[in-house]
Amino acid sequence: MVIELHQLRYFIAVAEERHFTRAARGLGVAQPSVSKSIRLLEQELGASLFHRARGNLTLSPTGEAFLPWARQVVTDLASAVDEAREIGGLRRGRISVGATPSITTSILPQALGRFHEAYPGIDLKLHEAGSRDLVRHLDAGSLDVALVILPVAHRSLETVPLLREELVLAVGPTHALADRKRVALGDLHDTPLMMFREGYDLRSTTLSACTAAGFEPRFAVEGGEMDGVLRLAEAGVGVAIVPSMVIPKDGPLRAVRIAPALTRTVAFAYRRDRHVTRATRELMDVVGALVRSRRWLTSMPASLEAIAAS
């Protein structure tokens, strides 16, 4: 049996578009070439990959079964090509990395700066999202590695703990709680909270903690992103439970510790069945070394430093 790589790519494109002409347009080839390649592939397999009806193209049972294998072959070959290009000094290649907003504003800038300085030929693509969204992108194969929040209940992913840190209450300088060193979570029942949008682990963590403390939180603003929530808290609109790493030591926001303490663990995540390229391993090493050195924490209060996970 002889199956060519371009046949797999054409099949995947048609399966995703459910349309030969759109698939051909996205591939940058003529539609007859795509149709011919699919017919030859079906002849090799001895079965139809699609049910063809006027205005309706769907995968056959054979197509449904063959699609994940085709994607895996194409992905593995792309990884192998990247690995081959990197041998001899990591001169060329690319990495798609994902991270939560708190990571992209704290650890990642220094880490990516160091990596780019060491390997300027490696192209970096950054995707910023909540952990749930990042897990979906990892599972789909569009990310090589991501920094996510544990736990991750996904069998296809491998996780490597990186650091553990405390969650604190972000309070504006004029807020009634600004001078407090610590506050009991239950005392926040009448305090309006800034609430993150769906998909943020911080949202579910905050809601679960409030429920455990016996109250449903009041929202000052709901559906925010990290930067917006911090700016609104700074303006005194409300307070927010956030990672300690996002509050600079000399900034206007106050970091008030919470009792009982809330913590989170940040970890690398990547697909178990996907080759981890040398460039990706090097990036993970750079991030890990930066965390262990704690140099990225110099602008944070010492009492709120992250704890490197063992």
Protein backbone atom coordinates (compact mmCIF):
# COMPACT_ATOMS: atom_id res chain seq x y z
CA MET A 1 0.00 0.00 0.00
CA VAL A 2 1.37 3.43 -0.99
CA ILE A 3 -0.16 6.48 0.64
CA GLU A 4 1.44 9.86 0.06
CA LEU A 5 1.62 12.65 2.61
CA HIS A 6 -0.23 15.15 0.44
CA GLN A 7 -3.15 12.72 0.22
CA LEU A 8 -3.45 12.74 4.01
CA ARG A 9 -3.29 16.53 4.11
CA TYR A 10 -5.96 16.82 1.42
CA PHE A 11 -8.17 14.31 3.25
CA ILE A 12 -7.83 16.19 6.56
CA ALA A 13 -8.66 19.51 4.87
CA VAL A 14 -11.78 18.10 3.19
CA ALA A 15 -12.86 16.41 6.43
CA GLU A 16 -12.56 19.70 8.31
CA GLU A 17 -14.20 21.86 5.64
CA ARG A 18 -16.81 19.28 4.57
CA HIS A 19 -16.36 20.77 1.12
CA PHE A 20 -13.88 20.00 -1.68
CA THR A 21 -13.72 23.49 -3.17
CA ARG A 22 -13.18 25.24 0.19
CA ALA A 23 -10.56 22.67 1.13
CA ALA A 24 -8.73 23.20 -2.15
CA ARG A 25 -8.84 26.96 -1.69
CA GLY A 26 -7.35 26.66 1.81
CA LEU A 27 -4.64 24.33 0.54
CA GLY A 28 -3.82 26.61 -2.36
CA VAL A 29 -4.32 23.89 -4.99
CA ALA A 30 -6.83 23.17 -7.73
CA GLN A 31 -10.04 21.44 -6.71
CA PRO A 32 -9.62 18.60 -9.26
CA SER A 33 -6.25 17.74 -7.69
CA VAL A 34 -7.90 17.35 -4.30
CA SER A 35 -10.71 15.20 -5.71
CA LYS A 36 -8.25 12.97 -7.58
CA SER A 37 -6.03 12.53 -4.50
CA ILE A 38 -9.02 11.54 -2.35
CA ARG A 39 -10.18 9.00 -4.97
CA LEU A 40 -6.71 7.44 -5.11
CA LEU A 41 -6.56 7.32 -1.33
CA GLU A 42 -9.94 5.60 -1.19
CA GLN A 43 -8.73 3.08 -3.78
CA GLU A 44 -5.67 2.30 -1.64
CA LEU A 45 -7.85 1.85 1.44
CA GLY A 46 -10.52 -0.08 -0.40
CA ALA A 47 -13.32 1.97 1.12
CA SER A 48 -15.06 5.31 0.74
CA LEU A 49 -13.96 8.04 3.13
CA PHE A 50 -16.96 10.31 2.51
CA HIS A 51 -20.67 10.05 1.89
CA ARG A 52 -21.28 12.32 -1.08
CA ALA A 53 -24.71 13.82 -1.60
CA ARG A 54 -25.82 17.01 -3.34
CA GLY A 55 -24.82 19.89 -1.11
CA ASN A 56 -23.88 17.55 1.74
CA LEU A 57 -20.50 15.89 2.37
CA THR A 58 -20.03 13.78 5.48
CA LEU A 59 -17.41 11.33 6.72
CA SER A 60 -18.15 7.65 6.26
CA PRO A 61 -17.48 5.26 9.16
CA THR A 62 -14.13 4.49 7.51
CA GLY A 63 -13.40 8.22 7.26
CA GLU A 64 -14.28 8.78 10.92
CA ALA A 65 -11.89 6.01 11.94
CA PHE A 66 -9.12 7.09 9.58
CA LEU A 67 -9.15 10.83 10.41
CA PRO A 68 -7.36 10.73 13.81
CA TRP A 69 -4.69 8.45 12.38
CA ALA A 70 -4.15 10.77 9.42
CA ARG A 71 -3.81 13.75 11.74
CA GLN A 72 -1.33 11.89 13.91
CA VAL A 73 0.86 10.94 10.95
CA VAL A 74 0.95 14.52 9.66
CA THR A 75 1.65 15.87 13.15
CA ASP A 76 4.42 13.36 13.82
CA LEU A 77 6.10 14.10 10.52
CA ALA A 78 5.99 17.86 11.18
CA SER A 79 7.57 17.26 14.60
CA ALA A 80 10.24 15.03 13.06
CA VAL A 81 11.05 17.72 10.50
CA ASP A 82 11.34 20.32 13.24
CA GLU A 83 13.62 18.02 15.23
CA ALA A 84 15.83 17.36 12.24
CA ARG A 85 16.13 21.07 11.51
CA GLU A 86 17.10 21.79 15.10
CA ILE A 87 19.99 19.33 15.27
CA GLY A 88 23.26 21.19 15.22
CA GLY A 89 22.51 24.26 17.24
CA LEU A 90 18.74 24.87 17.19
CA ARG A 91 19.20 27.26 14.31
CA ARG A 92 15.68 26.92 12.91
CA GLY A 93 12.27 25.77 14.05
CA ARG A 94 9.11 26.94 15.74
CA ILE A 95 7.21 26.42 18.99
CA SER A 96 3.56 27.06 19.72
CA VAL A 97 3.29 27.74 23.44
CA GLY A 98 0.20 28.48 25.50
CA ALA A 99 -0.10 30.14 28.88
CA THR A 100 -2.66 31.61 31.22
CA PRO A 101 -2.83 35.43 31.43
CA SER A 102 -1.13 35.54 34.83
CA ILE A 103 1.82 33.56 33.47
CA THR A 104 2.17 35.72 30.36
CA THR A 105 2.43 38.84 32.52
CA SER A 106 4.93 37.46 35.02
CA ILE A 107 7.17 34.46 34.25
CA LEU A 108 6.91 34.18 30.49
CA PRO A 109 8.30 37.55 29.33
CA GLN A 110 11.67 36.92 30.98
CA ALA A 111 11.70 33.27 29.94
CA LEU A 112 10.87 33.98 26.29
CA GLY A 113 13.41 36.80 26.27
CA ARG A 114 16.16 34.45 27.46
CA PHE A 115 15.12 31.76 25.02
CA HIS A 116 15.02 34.14 22.06
CA GLU A 117 18.45 35.49 22.97
CA ALA A 118 19.88 31.95 23.06
CA TYR A 119 17.98 30.64 19.99
CA PRO A 120 17.04 33.58 17.73
CA GLY A 121 16.23 31.24 14.83
CA ILE A 122 13.34 29.58 16.65
CA ASP A 123 9.99 31.21 15.92
CA LEU A 124 7.68 31.48 18.92
CA LYS A 125 3.89 31.57 18.69
CA LEU A 126 2.10 32.48 21.92
CA HIS A 127 -1.52 31.64 22.68
CA GLU A 128 -2.94 33.25 25.83
CA ALA A 129 -6.07 31.69 27.34
CA GLY A 130 -7.55 30.08 30.41
CA SER A 131 -6.43 26.56 31.32
CA ARG A 132 -9.57 24.90 29.99
CA ASP A 133 -9.11 26.52 26.58
CA LEU A 134 -5.41 25.65 26.57
CA VAL A 135 -6.19 22.00 27.29
CA ARG A 136 -8.54 21.93 24.31
CA HIS A 137 -5.86 23.40 22.06
CA LEU A 138 -3.29 20.89 23.32
CA ASP A 139 -5.69 18.05 22.67
CA ALA A 140 -6.32 19.33 19.14
CA GLY A 141 -2.59 19.47 18.48
CA SER A 142 -2.38 23.22 17.85
CA LEU A 143 -0.02 23.79 20.79
CA ASP A 144 3.32 22.11 21.49
CA VAL A 145 3.32 22.90 25.21
CA ALA A 146 1.29 25.03 27.61
CA LEU A 147 1.55 26.35 31.15
CA VAL A 148 -1.71 25.35 32.81
CA ILE A 149 -3.21 25.10 36.27
CA LEU A 150 -3.52 21.68 37.90
CA PRO A 151 -5.42 19.47 38.11
CA VAL A 152 -5.83 18.58 34.44
CA ALA A 153 -8.15 15.63 34.00
CA HIS A 154 -7.23 14.65 30.46
CA ARG A 155 -5.74 11.28 29.63
CA SER A 156 -4.06 12.44 26.44
CA LEU A 157 -1.91 14.99 28.30
CA GLU A 158 1.24 14.67 30.38
CA THR A 159 1.76 17.29 33.10
CA VAL A 160 4.95 18.34 34.89
CA PRO A 161 4.47 20.57 37.99
CA LEU A 162 6.50 23.78 37.83
CA LEU A 163 5.59 25.94 40.82
CA ARG A 164 3.07 26.40 43.59
CA GLU A 165 1.91 29.80 44.74
CA GLU A 166 -0.54 31.54 46.99
CA LEU A 167 -3.71 33.24 45.83
CA VAL A 168 -4.30 36.63 47.42
CA LEU A 169 -6.90 39.36 47.47
CA ALA A 170 -6.09 42.23 45.09
CA VAL A 171 -7.22 45.44 46.80
CA GLY A 172 -7.07 49.04 45.61
CA PRO A 173 -5.10 51.57 47.72
CA THR A 174 -8.23 53.38 48.96
CA HIS A 175 -10.30 50.28 49.69
CA ALA A 176 -11.39 49.58 53.28
CA LEU A 177 -9.30 46.37 53.26
CA ALA A 178 -6.14 48.03 51.92
CA ASP A 179 -4.39 48.12 55.29
CA ARG A 180 -5.21 44.55 56.24
CA LYS A 181 -2.44 41.93 56.20
CA ARG A 182 -4.88 39.04 56.13
CA VAL A 183 -8.63 38.58 55.75
CA ALA A 184 -10.87 35.60 56.45
CA LEU A 185 -12.59 34.42 53.30
CA GLY A 186 -15.94 34.33 55.08
CA ASP A 187 -15.63 38.05 55.85
CA LEU A 188 -15.93 38.81 52.14
CA HIS A 189 -19.61 37.86 51.94
CA ASP A 190 -20.67 41.51 51.59
CA THR A 191 -17.62 42.64 49.59
CA PRO A 192 -18.20 42.97 45.82
CA LEU A 193 -15.78 40.79 43.86
CA MET A 194 -14.33 41.23 40.39
CA MET A 195 -15.11 37.95 38.64
CA PHE A 196 -13.24 36.48 35.69
CA ARG A 197 -14.94 35.16 32.58
CA GLU A 198 -15.83 31.53 32.00
CA GLY A 199 -12.78 29.41 31.21
CA TYR A 200 -10.57 30.91 33.93
CA ASP A 201 -9.56 28.48 36.66
CA LEU A 202 -9.55 31.46 39.01
CA ARG A 203 -13.29 31.82 38.47
CA SER A 204 -14.11 28.25 39.50
CA THR A 205 -11.56 28.37 42.34
CA THR A 206 -13.07 31.57 43.74
CA LEU A 207 -16.66 30.33 43.48
CA SER A 208 -15.78 26.98 45.10
CA ALA A 209 -13.89 28.68 47.94
CA CYS A 210 -16.78 31.06 48.65
CA THR A 211 -19.26 28.20 48.64
CA ALA A 212 -17.06 26.27 51.08
CA ALA A 213 -17.00 29.37 53.30
CA GLY A 214 -20.80 29.39 53.33
CA PHE A 215 -21.77 32.25 51.02
CA GLU A 216 -22.48 33.16 47.42
CA PRO A 217 -20.24 36.06 46.34
CA ARG A 218 -21.51 39.40 45.12
CA PHE A 219 -20.08 40.56 41.79
CA ALA A 220 -19.00 44.12 41.15
CA VAL A 221 -18.11 43.21 37.56
CA GLU A 222 -18.32 39.79 35.92
CA GLY A 223 -16.63 38.39 32.82
CA GLY A 224 -13.29 40.21 32.99
CA GLU A 225 -9.81 39.37 31.71
CA MET A 226 -6.78 39.55 34.00
CA ASP A 227 -5.58 43.05 33.08
CA GLY A 228 -9.06 44.50 33.25
CA VAL A 229 -9.80 42.91 36.62
CA LEU A 230 -6.56 44.27 38.10
CA ARG A 231 -7.19 47.78 36.79
CA LEU A 232 -10.77 47.78 38.12
CA ALA A 233 -9.59 46.55 41.50
CA GLU A 234 -6.97 49.29 41.50
CA ALA A 235 -9.73 51.85 40.88
CA GLY A 236 -11.69 50.53 43.87
CA VAL A 237 -14.59 49.02 41.92
CA GLY A 238 -14.17 45.74 43.78
CA VAL A 239 -11.59 43.22 44.94
CA ALA A 240 -10.42 40.04 43.26
CA ILE A 241 -8.78 36.76 44.20
CA VAL A 242 -5.69 36.52 42.00
CA PRO A 243 -2.29 34.80 41.88
CA SER A 244 0.28 36.59 44.00
CA MET A 245 2.63 36.81 41.01
CA VAL A 246 0.47 39.40 39.22
CA ILE A 247 0.73 42.04 41.98
CA PRO A 248 4.01 44.01 41.79
CA LYS A 249 5.67 44.86 45.09
CA ASP A 250 5.81 48.60 44.44
CA GLY A 251 2.55 48.97 42.53
CA PRO A 252 -0.68 50.61 43.69
CA LEU A 253 -2.50 47.32 44.37
CA ARG A 254 -2.30 45.74 47.81
CA ALA A 255 -1.96 41.98 48.21
CA VAL A 256 -4.00 40.83 51.20
CA ARG A 257 -3.49 37.23 52.25
CA ILE A 258 -6.55 35.01 52.66
CA ALA A 259 -7.40 32.64 55.51
CA PRO A 260 -7.62 29.77 55.03
CA ALA A 261 -4.85 30.00 52.44
CA LEU A 262 -5.67 29.31 48.81
CA THR A 263 -2.94 27.98 46.53
CA ARG A 264 -2.56 26.79 42.96
CA THR A 265 0.00 24.70 41.09
CA VAL A 266 1.27 25.69 37.65
CA ALA A 267 2.48 22.90 35.38
CA PHE A 268 3.75 22.23 31.89
CA ALA A 269 1.32 20.19 29.79
CA TYR A 270 1.85 18.45 26.46
CA ARG A 271 0.41 15.51 24.55
CA ARG A 272 1.61 12.07 25.65
CA ASP A 273 1.52 10.72 22.10
CA ARG A 274 3.28 13.65 20.46
CA HIS A 275 7.05 13.97 20.10
CA VAL A 276 8.43 16.78 22.28
CA THR A 277 10.96 18.54 20.07
CA ARG A 278 14.36 19.60 21.24
CA ALA A 279 13.36 23.27 20.97
CA THR A 280 10.33 22.69 23.19
CA ARG A 281 12.46 20.86 25.76
CA GLU A 282 14.94 23.75 25.75
CA LEU A 283 12.13 26.25 26.32
CA MET A 284 10.81 24.19 29.23
CA ASP A 285 14.32 24.09 30.69
CA VAL A 286 14.65 27.87 30.40
CA VAL A 287 11.33 28.43 32.18
CA GLY A 288 12.21 25.88 34.87
CA ALA A 289 15.63 27.42 35.50
CA LEU A 290 14.09 30.89 35.80
CA VAL A 291 11.54 29.65 38.35
CA ARG A 292 14.22 27.88 40.38
CA SER A 293 16.42 31.00 40.38
CA ARG A 294 13.48 33.06 41.70
CA ARG A 295 14.91 36.12 39.93
CA TRP A 296 11.53 36.87 38.37
CA LEU A 297 10.15 37.35 41.89
CA THR A 298 12.28 40.37 42.82
CA SER A 299 9.34 42.77 42.39
CA MET A 300 7.01 40.72 44.60
CA PRO A 301 6.53 40.77 48.38
CA ALA A 302 8.76 38.10 49.92
CA SER A 303 5.84 36.64 51.88
CA LEU A 304 4.00 36.00 48.62
CA GLU A 305 6.74 34.27 46.64
CA ALA A 306 5.91 31.26 44.54
CA ILE A 307 7.18 27.90 45.78
CA ALA A 308 9.02 25.76 43.23
CA ALA A 309 7.21 22.45 43.00
CA SER A 310 9.26 19.37 43.70
